PDB file of all heavy atoms in Angstrom:
ATOM      1  N   ASN A   1     -12.395 -10.763   1.484  1.00  0.00           N
ATOM      2  CA  ASN A   1     -12.652 -11.625   2.646  1.00  0.00           C
ATOM      3  C   ASN A   1     -11.735 -12.840   2.722  1.00  0.00           C
ATOM      4  O   ASN A   1     -11.561 -13.403   3.799  1.00  0.00           O
ATOM      5  CB  ASN A   1     -14.110 -12.095   2.658  1.00  0.00           C
ATOM      6  CG  ASN A   1     -15.106 -11.001   2.944  1.00  0.00           C
ATOM      7  OD1 ASN A   1     -16.265 -11.138   2.657  1.00  0.00           O
ATOM      8  ND2 ASN A   1     -14.640  -9.896   3.513  1.00  0.00           N
ATOM      9  N   TRP A   2     -11.185 -13.201   1.580  1.00  0.00           N
ATOM     10  CA  TRP A   2     -10.373 -14.435   1.525  1.00  0.00           C
ATOM     11  C   TRP A   2      -8.871 -14.124   1.493  1.00  0.00           C
ATOM     12  O   TRP A   2      -8.090 -15.054   1.305  1.00  0.00           O
ATOM     13  CB  TRP A   2     -10.760 -15.272   0.288  1.00  0.00           C
ATOM     14  CG  TRP A   2     -12.244 -15.455   0.183  1.00  0.00           C
ATOM     15  CD1 TRP A   2     -13.058 -14.927  -0.773  1.00  0.00           C
ATOM     16  CD2 TRP A   2     -13.078 -16.195   1.052  1.00  0.00           C
ATOM     17  NE1 TRP A   2     -14.355 -15.294  -0.550  1.00  0.00           N
ATOM     18  CE2 TRP A   2     -14.411 -16.079   0.563  1.00  0.00           C
ATOM     19  CE3 TRP A   2     -12.842 -16.956   2.195  1.00  0.00           C
ATOM     20  CZ2 TRP A   2     -15.503 -16.704   1.193  1.00  0.00           C
ATOM     21  CZ3 TRP A   2     -13.927 -17.557   2.822  1.00  0.00           C
ATOM     22  CH2 TRP A   2     -15.216 -17.419   2.320  1.00  0.00           C
ATOM     23  N   TYR A   3      -8.519 -12.878   1.662  1.00  0.00           N
ATOM     24  CA  TYR A   3      -7.107 -12.499   1.522  1.00  0.00           C
ATOM     25  C   TYR A   3      -6.621 -11.708   2.706  1.00  0.00           C
ATOM     26  O   TYR A   3      -7.389 -10.953   3.341  1.00  0.00           O
ATOM     27  CB  TYR A   3      -6.908 -11.601   0.278  1.00  0.00           C
ATOM     28  CG  TYR A   3      -7.246 -12.263  -1.043  1.00  0.00           C
ATOM     29  CD1 TYR A   3      -8.494 -12.079  -1.617  1.00  0.00           C
ATOM     30  CD2 TYR A   3      -6.352 -13.039  -1.728  1.00  0.00           C
ATOM     31  CE1 TYR A   3      -8.844 -12.637  -2.818  1.00  0.00           C
ATOM     32  CE2 TYR A   3      -6.670 -13.618  -2.934  1.00  0.00           C
ATOM     33  CZ  TYR A   3      -7.916 -13.425  -3.493  1.00  0.00           C
ATOM     34  OH  TYR A   3      -8.244 -13.969  -4.693  1.00  0.00           O
ATOM     35  N   ALA A   4      -5.326 -11.870   2.984  1.00  0.00           N
ATOM     36  CA  ALA A   4      -4.660 -10.892   3.810  1.00  0.00           C
ATOM     37  C   ALA A   4      -4.095  -9.833   2.867  1.00  0.00           C
ATOM     38  O   ALA A   4      -3.720 -10.127   1.726  1.00  0.00           O
ATOM     39  CB  ALA A   4      -3.497 -11.559   4.597  1.00  0.00           C
ATOM     40  N   ILE A   5      -4.057  -8.598   3.327  1.00  0.00           N
ATOM     41  CA  ILE A   5      -3.651  -7.496   2.492  1.00  0.00           C
ATOM     42  C   ILE A   5      -2.453  -6.776   3.088  1.00  0.00           C
ATOM     43  O   ILE A   5      -2.490  -6.436   4.288  1.00  0.00           O
ATOM     44  CB  ILE A   5      -4.793  -6.487   2.259  1.00  0.00           C
ATOM     45  CG1 ILE A   5      -6.022  -7.175   1.703  1.00  0.00           C
ATOM     46  CG2 ILE A   5      -4.337  -5.374   1.317  1.00  0.00           C
ATOM     47  CD1 ILE A   5      -7.014  -7.656   2.746  1.00  0.00           C
ATOM     48  N   GLY A   6      -1.426  -6.574   2.308  1.00  0.00           N
ATOM     49  CA  GLY A   6      -0.246  -5.923   2.786  1.00  0.00           C
ATOM     50  C   GLY A   6       0.088  -4.642   2.052  1.00  0.00           C
ATOM     51  O   GLY A   6      -0.335  -4.457   0.898  1.00  0.00           O
ATOM     52  N   TRP A   7       0.748  -3.763   2.724  1.00  0.00           N
ATOM     53  CA  TRP A   7       1.312  -2.560   2.128  1.00  0.00           C
ATOM     54  C   TRP A   7       2.831  -2.672   2.138  1.00  0.00           C
ATOM     55  O   TRP A   7       3.422  -3.034   3.161  1.00  0.00           O
ATOM     56  CB  TRP A   7       0.905  -1.282   2.877  1.00  0.00           C
ATOM     57  CG  TRP A   7      -0.494  -0.862   2.651  1.00  0.00           C
ATOM     58  CD1 TRP A   7      -1.579  -1.135   3.401  1.00  0.00           C
ATOM     59  CD2 TRP A   7      -0.972  -0.044   1.560  1.00  0.00           C
ATOM     60  NE1 TRP A   7      -2.713  -0.554   2.862  1.00  0.00           N
ATOM     61  CE2 TRP A   7      -2.376   0.138   1.739  1.00  0.00           C
ATOM     62  CE3 TRP A   7      -0.356   0.584   0.458  1.00  0.00           C
ATOM     63  CZ2 TRP A   7      -3.148   0.875   0.864  1.00  0.00           C
ATOM     64  CZ3 TRP A   7      -1.134   1.311  -0.431  1.00  0.00           C
ATOM     65  CH2 TRP A   7      -2.503   1.458  -0.210  1.00  0.00           C
ATOM     66  N   PHE A   8       3.442  -2.370   0.999  1.00  0.00           N
ATOM     67  CA  PHE A   8       4.873  -2.381   0.851  1.00  0.00           C
ATOM     68  C   PHE A   8       5.303  -1.006   0.327  1.00  0.00           C
ATOM     69  O   PHE A   8       4.489  -0.239  -0.223  1.00  0.00           O
ATOM     70  CB  PHE A   8       5.322  -3.457  -0.139  1.00  0.00           C
ATOM     71  CG  PHE A   8       5.033  -4.859   0.339  1.00  0.00           C
ATOM     72  CD1 PHE A   8       3.779  -5.407   0.170  1.00  0.00           C
ATOM     73  CD2 PHE A   8       6.037  -5.648   0.876  1.00  0.00           C
ATOM     74  CE1 PHE A   8       3.495  -6.705   0.584  1.00  0.00           C
ATOM     75  CE2 PHE A   8       5.781  -6.921   1.308  1.00  0.00           C
ATOM     76  CZ  PHE A   8       4.498  -7.448   1.140  1.00  0.00           C
ATOM     77  N   ARG A   9       6.565  -0.702   0.466  1.00  0.00           N
ATOM     78  CA  ARG A   9       7.075   0.525  -0.112  1.00  0.00           C
ATOM     79  C   ARG A   9       8.508   0.333  -0.601  1.00  0.00           C
ATOM     80  O   ARG A   9       9.223  -0.529  -0.117  1.00  0.00           O
ATOM     81  CB  ARG A   9       7.018   1.691   0.932  1.00  0.00           C
ATOM     82  CG  ARG A   9       7.995   1.544   2.109  1.00  0.00           C
ATOM     83  CD  ARG A   9       7.761   2.652   3.106  1.00  0.00           C
ATOM     84  NE  ARG A   9       8.672   2.578   4.243  1.00  0.00           N
ATOM     85  CZ  ARG A   9       8.628   3.374   5.282  1.00  0.00           C
ATOM     86  NH1 ARG A   9       7.674   4.308   5.388  1.00  0.00           N
ATOM     87  NH2 ARG A   9       9.513   3.244   6.284  1.00  0.00           N
ATOM     88  N   GLN A  10       8.865   1.148  -1.574  1.00  0.00           N
ATOM     89  CA  GLN A  10      10.201   1.089  -2.127  1.00  0.00           C
ATOM     90  C   GLN A  10      10.707   2.502  -2.369  1.00  0.00           C
ATOM     91  O   GLN A  10      10.120   3.250  -3.170  1.00  0.00           O
ATOM     92  CB  GLN A  10      10.259   0.272  -3.406  1.00  0.00           C
ATOM     93  CG  GLN A  10      11.687   0.054  -3.915  1.00  0.00           C
ATOM     94  CD  GLN A  10      11.742  -0.979  -5.015  1.00  0.00           C
ATOM     95  OE1 GLN A  10      10.768  -1.213  -5.733  1.00  0.00           O
ATOM     96  NE2 GLN A  10      12.886  -1.634  -5.137  1.00  0.00           N
ATOM     97  N   ALA A  11      11.772   2.852  -1.704  1.00  0.00           N
ATOM     98  CA  ALA A  11      12.412   4.153  -1.883  1.00  0.00           C
ATOM     99  C   ALA A  11      13.531   4.009  -2.917  1.00  0.00           C
ATOM    100  O   ALA A  11      14.074   2.919  -3.093  1.00  0.00           O
ATOM    101  CB  ALA A  11      12.951   4.665  -0.554  1.00  0.00           C
ATOM    102  N   PRO A  12      13.894   5.098  -3.590  1.00  0.00           N
ATOM    103  CA  PRO A  12      14.969   5.039  -4.568  1.00  0.00           C
ATOM    104  C   PRO A  12      16.241   4.456  -3.992  1.00  0.00           C
ATOM    105  O   PRO A  12      16.680   4.891  -2.904  1.00  0.00           O
ATOM    106  CB  PRO A  12      15.148   6.494  -4.991  1.00  0.00           C
ATOM    107  CG  PRO A  12      13.810   7.119  -4.748  1.00  0.00           C
ATOM    108  CD  PRO A  12      13.308   6.427  -3.524  1.00  0.00           C
ATOM    109  N   GLY A  13      16.832   3.478  -4.664  1.00  0.00           N
ATOM    110  CA  GLY A  13      18.075   2.876  -4.224  1.00  0.00           C
ATOM    111  C   GLY A  13      17.947   1.911  -3.046  1.00  0.00           C
ATOM    112  O   GLY A  13      18.987   1.431  -2.554  1.00  0.00           O
ATOM    113  N   LYS A  14      16.733   1.624  -2.637  1.00  0.00           N
ATOM    114  CA  LYS A  14      16.528   0.741  -1.503  1.00  0.00           C
ATOM    115  C   LYS A  14      15.663  -0.460  -1.899  1.00  0.00           C
ATOM    116  O   LYS A  14      14.954  -0.427  -2.917  1.00  0.00           O
ATOM    117  CB  LYS A  14      15.891   1.462  -0.337  1.00  0.00           C
ATOM    118  CG  LYS A  14      16.724   2.569   0.265  1.00  0.00           C
ATOM    119  CD  LYS A  14      16.057   3.180   1.494  1.00  0.00           C
ATOM    120  CE  LYS A  14      16.951   4.247   2.125  1.00  0.00           C
ATOM    121  NZ  LYS A  14      16.291   4.836   3.324  1.00  0.00           N
ATOM    122  N   GLU A  15      15.754  -1.507  -1.116  1.00  0.00           N
ATOM    123  CA  GLU A  15      14.950  -2.686  -1.331  1.00  0.00           C
ATOM    124  C   GLU A  15      13.501  -2.424  -0.938  1.00  0.00           C
ATOM    125  O   GLU A  15      13.230  -1.581  -0.061  1.00  0.00           O
ATOM    126  CB  GLU A  15      15.500  -3.882  -0.518  1.00  0.00           C
ATOM    127  CG  GLU A  15      16.924  -4.290  -0.875  1.00  0.00           C
ATOM    128  CD  GLU A  15      16.994  -4.938  -2.225  1.00  0.00           C
ATOM    129  OE1 GLU A  15      15.994  -5.515  -2.687  1.00  0.00           O
ATOM    130  OE2 GLU A  15      18.073  -4.876  -2.847  1.00  0.00           O
ATOM    131  N   ARG A  16      12.577  -3.111  -1.599  1.00  0.00           N
ATOM    132  CA  ARG A  16      11.188  -3.025  -1.208  1.00  0.00           C
ATOM    133  C   ARG A  16      11.033  -3.627   0.198  1.00  0.00           C
ATOM    134  O   ARG A  16      11.644  -4.654   0.506  1.00  0.00           O
ATOM    135  CB  ARG A  16      10.334  -3.757  -2.215  1.00  0.00           C
ATOM    136  CG  ARG A  16       8.829  -3.656  -1.902  1.00  0.00           C
ATOM    137  CD  ARG A  16       8.025  -4.425  -2.979  1.00  0.00           C
ATOM    138  NE  ARG A  16       8.059  -3.719  -4.238  1.00  0.00           N
ATOM    139  CZ  ARG A  16       7.592  -4.253  -5.370  1.00  0.00           C
ATOM    140  NH1 ARG A  16       7.159  -5.483  -5.386  1.00  0.00           N
ATOM    141  NH2 ARG A  16       7.643  -3.536  -6.495  1.00  0.00           N
ATOM    142  N   GLU A  17      10.243  -2.983   1.039  1.00  0.00           N
ATOM    143  CA  GLU A  17      10.040  -3.458   2.390  1.00  0.00           C
ATOM    144  C   GLU A  17       8.579  -3.518   2.743  1.00  0.00           C
ATOM    145  O   GLU A  17       7.776  -2.728   2.266  1.00  0.00           O
ATOM    146  CB  GLU A  17      10.786  -2.555   3.380  1.00  0.00           C
ATOM    147  CG  GLU A  17      10.288  -1.112   3.406  1.00  0.00           C
ATOM    148  CD  GLU A  17      10.962  -0.265   4.447  1.00  0.00           C
ATOM    149  OE1 GLU A  17      11.574  -0.808   5.403  1.00  0.00           O
ATOM    150  OE2 GLU A  17      10.873   0.976   4.338  1.00  0.00           O
ATOM    151  N   GLY A  18       8.260  -4.466   3.581  1.00  0.00           N
ATOM    152  CA  GLY A  18       6.913  -4.558   4.100  1.00  0.00           C
ATOM    153  C   GLY A  18       6.631  -3.479   5.099  1.00  0.00           C
ATOM    154  O   GLY A  18       7.469  -3.191   5.958  1.00  0.00           O
ATOM    155  N   VAL A  19       5.468  -2.855   5.005  1.00  0.00           N
ATOM    156  CA  VAL A  19       5.101  -1.759   5.907  1.00  0.00           C
ATOM    157  C   VAL A  19       4.016  -2.186   6.886  1.00  0.00           C
ATOM    158  O   VAL A  19       4.122  -1.930   8.101  1.00  0.00           O
ATOM    159  CB  VAL A  19       4.604  -0.542   5.103  1.00  0.00           C
ATOM    160  CG1 VAL A  19       4.112   0.565   6.047  1.00  0.00           C
ATOM    161  CG2 VAL A  19       5.695  -0.005   4.197  1.00  0.00           C
ATOM    162  N   SER A  20       2.991  -2.865   6.380  1.00  0.00           N
ATOM    163  CA  SER A  20       1.877  -3.248   7.215  1.00  0.00           C
ATOM    164  C   SER A  20       1.094  -4.353   6.557  1.00  0.00           C
ATOM    165  O   SER A  20       1.206  -4.591   5.364  1.00  0.00           O
ATOM    166  CB  SER A  20       0.946  -2.014   7.448  1.00  0.00           C
ATOM    167  OG  SER A  20      -0.093  -2.310   8.352  1.00  0.00           O
ATOM    168  N   CYS A  21       0.322  -5.049   7.363  1.00  0.00           N
ATOM    169  CA  CYS A  21      -0.523  -6.150   6.825  1.00  0.00           C
ATOM    170  C   CYS A  21      -1.715  -6.320   7.730  1.00  0.00           C
ATOM    171  O   CYS A  21      -1.626  -6.140   8.961  1.00  0.00           O
ATOM    172  CB  CYS A  21       0.267  -7.438   6.708  1.00  0.00           C
ATOM    173  SG  CYS A  21      -0.575  -8.793   5.886  1.00  0.00           S
ATOM    174  N   ILE A  22      -2.837  -6.685   7.144  1.00  0.00           N
ATOM    175  CA  ILE A  22      -4.042  -6.966   7.893  1.00  0.00           C
ATOM    176  C   ILE A  22      -4.564  -8.325   7.467  1.00  0.00           C
ATOM    177  O   ILE A  22      -4.583  -8.674   6.287  1.00  0.00           O
ATOM    178  CB  ILE A  22      -5.109  -5.887   7.680  1.00  0.00           C
ATOM    179  CG1 ILE A  22      -6.312  -6.086   8.635  1.00  0.00           C
ATOM    180  CG2 ILE A  22      -5.535  -5.761   6.233  1.00  0.00           C
ATOM    181  CD1 ILE A  22      -7.222  -4.855   8.670  1.00  0.00           C
ATOM    182  N   SER A  23      -4.994  -9.138   8.438  1.00  0.00           N
ATOM    183  CA  SER A  23      -5.481 -10.468   8.171  1.00  0.00           C
ATOM    184  C   SER A  23      -6.812 -10.431   7.431  1.00  0.00           C
ATOM    185  O   SER A  23      -7.496  -9.397   7.368  1.00  0.00           O
ATOM    186  CB  SER A  23      -5.626 -11.246   9.477  1.00  0.00           C
ATOM    187  OG  SER A  23      -6.620 -10.677  10.298  1.00  0.00           O
ATOM    188  N   SER A  24      -7.202 -11.572   6.892  1.00  0.00           N
ATOM    189  CA  SER A  24      -8.450 -11.660   6.143  1.00  0.00           C
ATOM    190  C   SER A  24      -9.655 -11.319   6.988  1.00  0.00           C
ATOM    191  O   SER A  24     -10.646 -10.791   6.486  1.00  0.00           O
ATOM    192  CB  SER A  24      -8.612 -13.052   5.525  1.00  0.00           C
ATOM    193  OG  SER A  24      -8.611 -14.064   6.545  1.00  0.00           O
ATOM    194  N   SER A  25      -9.576 -11.625   8.265  1.00  0.00           N
ATOM    195  CA  SER A  25     -10.685 -11.331   9.180  1.00  0.00           C
ATOM    196  C   SER A  25     -10.638  -9.886   9.699  1.00  0.00           C
ATOM    197  O   SER A  25     -11.606  -9.407  10.255  1.00  0.00           O
ATOM    198  CB  SER A  25     -10.656 -12.265  10.370  1.00  0.00           C
ATOM    199  OG  SER A  25      -9.504 -12.072  11.176  1.00  0.00           O
ATOM    200  N   GLY A  26      -9.498  -9.246   9.481  1.00  0.00           N
ATOM    201  CA  GLY A  26      -9.302  -7.911  10.033  1.00  0.00           C
ATOM    202  C   GLY A  26      -8.925  -7.914  11.515  1.00  0.00           C
ATOM    203  O   GLY A  26      -8.728  -6.829  12.085  1.00  0.00           O
ATOM    204  N   GLY A  27      -8.795  -9.084  12.092  1.00  0.00           N
ATOM    205  CA  GLY A  27      -8.551  -9.180  13.497  1.00  0.00           C
ATOM    206  C   GLY A  27      -7.090  -9.053  13.914  1.00  0.00           C
ATOM    207  O   GLY A  27      -6.811  -8.846  15.091  1.00  0.00           O
ATOM    208  N   SER A  28      -6.185  -9.192  12.957  1.00  0.00           N
ATOM    209  CA  SER A  28      -4.747  -9.120  13.251  1.00  0.00           C
ATOM    210  C   SER A  28      -4.110  -8.142  12.304  1.00  0.00           C
ATOM    211  O   SER A  28      -4.413  -8.143  11.098  1.00  0.00           O
ATOM    212  CB  SER A  28      -4.113 -10.499  13.124  1.00  0.00           C
ATOM    213  OG  SER A  28      -4.655 -11.415  14.030  1.00  0.00           O
ATOM    214  N   THR A  29      -3.219  -7.336  12.817  1.00  0.00           N
ATOM    215  CA  THR A  29      -2.497  -6.372  12.019  1.00  0.00           C
ATOM    216  C   THR A  29      -1.004  -6.456  12.321  1.00  0.00           C
ATOM    217  O   THR A  29      -0.601  -6.894  13.395  1.00  0.00           O
ATOM    218  CB  THR A  29      -2.970  -4.954  12.253  1.00  0.00           C
ATOM    219  OG1 THR A  29      -2.860  -4.615  13.648  1.00  0.00           O
ATOM    220  CG2 THR A  29      -4.434  -4.780  11.819  1.00  0.00           C
ATOM    221  N   TYR A  30      -0.225  -6.062  11.348  1.00  0.00           N
ATOM    222  CA  TYR A  30       1.237  -6.057  11.470  1.00  0.00           C
ATOM    223  C   TYR A  30       1.769  -4.710  11.001  1.00  0.00           C
ATOM    224  O   TYR A  30       1.253  -4.104  10.041  1.00  0.00           O
ATOM    225  CB  TYR A  30       1.852  -7.142  10.583  1.00  0.00           C
ATOM    226  CG  TYR A  30       3.318  -6.962  10.280  1.00  0.00           C
ATOM    227  CD1 TYR A  30       4.285  -7.421  11.159  1.00  0.00           C
ATOM    228  CD2 TYR A  30       3.719  -6.316   9.131  1.00  0.00           C
ATOM    229  CE1 TYR A  30       5.653  -7.219  10.898  1.00  0.00           C
ATOM    230  CE2 TYR A  30       5.060  -6.124   8.850  1.00  0.00           C
ATOM    231  CZ  TYR A  30       6.009  -6.557   9.736  1.00  0.00           C
ATOM    232  OH  TYR A  30       7.336  -6.366   9.487  1.00  0.00           O
ATOM    233  N   TYR A  31       2.784  -4.233  11.697  1.00  0.00           N
ATOM    234  CA  TYR A  31       3.459  -3.003  11.317  1.00  0.00           C
ATOM    235  C   TYR A  31       4.954  -3.176  11.415  1.00  0.00           C
ATOM    236  O   TYR A  31       5.454  -3.754  12.369  1.00  0.00           O
ATOM    237  CB  TYR A  31       3.013  -1.837  12.200  1.00  0.00           C
ATOM    238  CG  TYR A  31       1.525  -1.552  12.145  1.00  0.00           C
ATOM    239  CD1 TYR A  31       0.656  -2.087  13.124  1.00  0.00           C
ATOM    240  CD2 TYR A  31       0.990  -0.730  11.165  1.00  0.00           C
ATOM    241  CE1 TYR A  31      -0.697  -1.826  13.051  1.00  0.00           C
ATOM    242  CE2 TYR A  31      -0.354  -0.478  11.100  1.00  0.00           C
ATOM    243  CZ  TYR A  31      -1.193  -1.012  12.050  1.00  0.00           C
ATOM    244  OH  TYR A  31      -2.539  -0.734  11.995  1.00  0.00           O
ATOM    245  N   ALA A  32       5.638  -2.597  10.477  1.00  0.00           N
ATOM    246  CA  ALA A  32       7.088  -2.528  10.590  1.00  0.00           C
ATOM    247  C   ALA A  32       7.437  -1.606  11.741  1.00  0.00           C
ATOM    248  O   ALA A  32       6.708  -0.670  12.031  1.00  0.00           O
ATOM    249  CB  ALA A  32       7.702  -1.991   9.275  1.00  0.00           C
ATOM    250  N   ASP A  33       8.552  -1.890  12.385  1.00  0.00           N
ATOM    251  CA  ASP A  33       8.954  -1.087  13.540  1.00  0.00           C
ATOM    252  C   ASP A  33       9.074   0.389  13.186  1.00  0.00           C
ATOM    253  O   ASP A  33       8.790   1.253  14.026  1.00  0.00           O
ATOM    254  CB  ASP A  33      10.302  -1.571  14.094  1.00  0.00           C
ATOM    255  CG  ASP A  33      10.184  -2.922  14.810  1.00  0.00           C
ATOM    256  OD1 ASP A  33       9.044  -3.293  15.198  1.00  0.00           O
ATOM    257  OD2 ASP A  33      11.229  -3.557  14.989  1.00  0.00           O
ATOM    258  N   SER A  34       9.470   0.664  11.958  1.00  0.00           N
ATOM    259  CA  SER A  34       9.688   2.063  11.570  1.00  0.00           C
ATOM    260  C   SER A  34       8.382   2.879  11.506  1.00  0.00           C
ATOM    261  O   SER A  34       8.461   4.111  11.465  1.00  0.00           O
ATOM    262  CB  SER A  34      10.401   2.105  10.203  1.00  0.00           C
ATOM    263  OG  SER A  34       9.649   1.443   9.217  1.00  0.00           O
ATOM    264  N   VAL A  35       7.233   2.241  11.432  1.00  0.00           N
ATOM    265  CA  VAL A  35       5.979   2.963  11.285  1.00  0.00           C
ATOM    266  C   VAL A  35       5.027   2.720  12.443  1.00  0.00           C
ATOM    267  O   VAL A  35       3.955   3.356  12.471  1.00  0.00           O
ATOM    268  CB  VAL A  35       5.265   2.611   9.971  1.00  0.00           C
ATOM    269  CG1 VAL A  35       6.209   2.830   8.801  1.00  0.00           C
ATOM    270  CG2 VAL A  35       4.740   1.198   9.975  1.00  0.00           C
ATOM    271  N   LYS A  36       5.379   1.878  13.377  1.00  0.00           N
ATOM    272  CA  LYS A  36       4.503   1.611  14.548  1.00  0.00           C
ATOM    273  C   LYS A  36       4.190   2.902  15.283  1.00  0.00           C
ATOM    274  O   LYS A  36       5.075   3.718  15.535  1.00  0.00           O
ATOM    275  CB  LYS A  36       5.136   0.609  15.473  1.00  0.00           C
ATOM    276  CG  LYS A  36       5.093  -0.830  14.979  1.00  0.00           C
ATOM    277  CD  LYS A  36       5.706  -1.764  16.011  1.00  0.00           C
ATOM    278  CE  LYS A  36       5.640  -3.204  15.511  1.00  0.00           C
ATOM    279  NZ  LYS A  36       6.297  -4.143  16.475  1.00  0.00           N
ATOM    280  N   GLY A  37       2.918   3.071  15.601  1.00  0.00           N
ATOM    281  CA  GLY A  37       2.487   4.261  16.331  1.00  0.00           C
ATOM    282  C   GLY A  37       2.170   5.413  15.405  1.00  0.00           C
ATOM    283  O   GLY A  37       1.569   6.414  15.858  1.00  0.00           O
ATOM    284  N   ARG A  38       2.537   5.316  14.150  1.00  0.00           N
ATOM    285  CA  ARG A  38       2.285   6.406  13.184  1.00  0.00           C
ATOM    286  C   ARG A  38       1.306   5.986  12.071  1.00  0.00           C
ATOM    287  O   ARG A  38       0.500   6.817  11.634  1.00  0.00           O
ATOM    288  CB  ARG A  38       3.584   6.875  12.559  1.00  0.00           C
ATOM    289  CG  ARG A  38       4.602   7.413  13.571  1.00  0.00           C
ATOM    290  CD  ARG A  38       5.776   8.073  12.844  1.00  0.00           C
ATOM    291  NE  ARG A  38       6.520   7.117  12.019  1.00  0.00           N
ATOM    292  CZ  ARG A  38       6.702   7.243  10.708  1.00  0.00           C
ATOM    293  NH1 ARG A  38       6.174   8.283  10.057  1.00  0.00           N
ATOM    294  NH2 ARG A  38       7.384   6.342  10.039  1.00  0.00           N
ATOM    295  N   PHE A  39       1.377   4.741  11.637  1.00  0.00           N
ATOM    296  CA  PHE A  39       0.525   4.234  10.565  1.00  0.00           C
ATOM    297  C   PHE A  39      -0.533   3.309  11.130  1.00  0.00           C
ATOM    298  O   PHE A  39      -0.289   2.589  12.108  1.00  0.00           O
ATOM    299  CB  PHE A  39       1.340   3.473   9.547  1.00  0.00           C
ATOM    300  CG  PHE A  39       2.300   4.304   8.712  1.00  0.00           C
ATOM    301  CD1 PHE A  39       2.563   5.640   9.016  1.00  0.00           C
ATOM    302  CD2 PHE A  39       2.922   3.730   7.610  1.00  0.00           C
ATOM    303  CE1 PHE A  39       3.434   6.382   8.248  1.00  0.00           C
ATOM    304  CE2 PHE A  39       3.804   4.480   6.828  1.00  0.00           C
ATOM    305  CZ  PHE A  39       4.065   5.793   7.137  1.00  0.00           C
ATOM    306  N   THR A  40      -1.701   3.293  10.489  1.00  0.00           N
ATOM    307  CA  THR A  40      -2.776   2.415  10.858  1.00  0.00           C
ATOM    308  C   THR A  40      -3.392   1.798   9.612  1.00  0.00           C
ATOM    309  O   THR A  40      -3.788   2.524   8.717  1.00  0.00           O
ATOM    310  CB  THR A  40      -3.882   3.137  11.661  1.00  0.00           C
ATOM    311  OG1 THR A  40      -3.321   3.753  12.828  1.00  0.00           O
ATOM    312  CG2 THR A  40      -4.957   2.159  12.086  1.00  0.00           C
ATOM    313  N   ILE A  41      -3.471   0.481   9.576  1.00  0.00           N
ATOM    314  CA  ILE A  41      -4.084  -0.206   8.471  1.00  0.00           C
ATOM    315  C   ILE A  41      -5.510  -0.600   8.874  1.00  0.00           C
ATOM    316  O   ILE A  41      -5.785  -0.975  10.021  1.00  0.00           O
ATOM    317  CB  ILE A  41      -3.279  -1.447   8.036  1.00  0.00           C
ATOM    318  CG1 ILE A  41      -3.806  -2.023   6.707  1.00  0.00           C
ATOM    319  CG2 ILE A  41      -3.246  -2.507   9.137  1.00  0.00           C
ATOM    320  CD1 ILE A  41      -2.887  -3.109   6.129  1.00  0.00           C
ATOM    321  N   SER A  42      -6.433  -0.476   7.966  1.00  0.00           N
ATOM    322  CA  SER A  42      -7.807  -0.842   8.219  1.00  0.00           C
ATOM    323  C   SER A  42      -8.450  -1.319   6.929  1.00  0.00           C
ATOM    324  O   SER A  42      -7.908  -1.197   5.837  1.00  0.00           O
ATOM    325  CB  SER A  42      -8.600   0.348   8.771  1.00  0.00           C
ATOM    326  OG  SER A  42      -8.652   1.422   7.847  1.00  0.00           O
ATOM    327  N   GLU A  43      -9.608  -1.933   7.071  1.00  0.00           N
ATOM    328  CA  GLU A  43     -10.290  -2.534   5.930  1.00  0.00           C
ATOM    329  C   GLU A  43     -11.766  -2.291   5.988  1.00  0.00           C
ATOM    330  O   GLU A  43     -12.398  -2.401   7.039  1.00  0.00           O
ATOM    331  CB  GLU A  43     -10.009  -4.043   5.892  1.00  0.00           C
ATOM    332  CG  GLU A  43     -10.597  -4.777   4.728  1.00  0.00           C
ATOM    333  CD  GLU A  43     -10.225  -6.267   4.729  1.00  0.00           C
ATOM    334  OE1 GLU A  43      -9.642  -6.717   5.729  1.00  0.00           O
ATOM    335  OE2 GLU A  43     -10.536  -6.966   3.755  1.00  0.00           O
TER     336      GLU A  43
END
């Protein structure tokens, strides 16, 4: 309840990148452009 939660990923030979994030309230979500429309974060 007191944290925002993010998902990150790292492919071989690449930098770690942010994928998605959800606010502590669950009311706001973020998606990297590469996954928008395909991935859904929930809590």
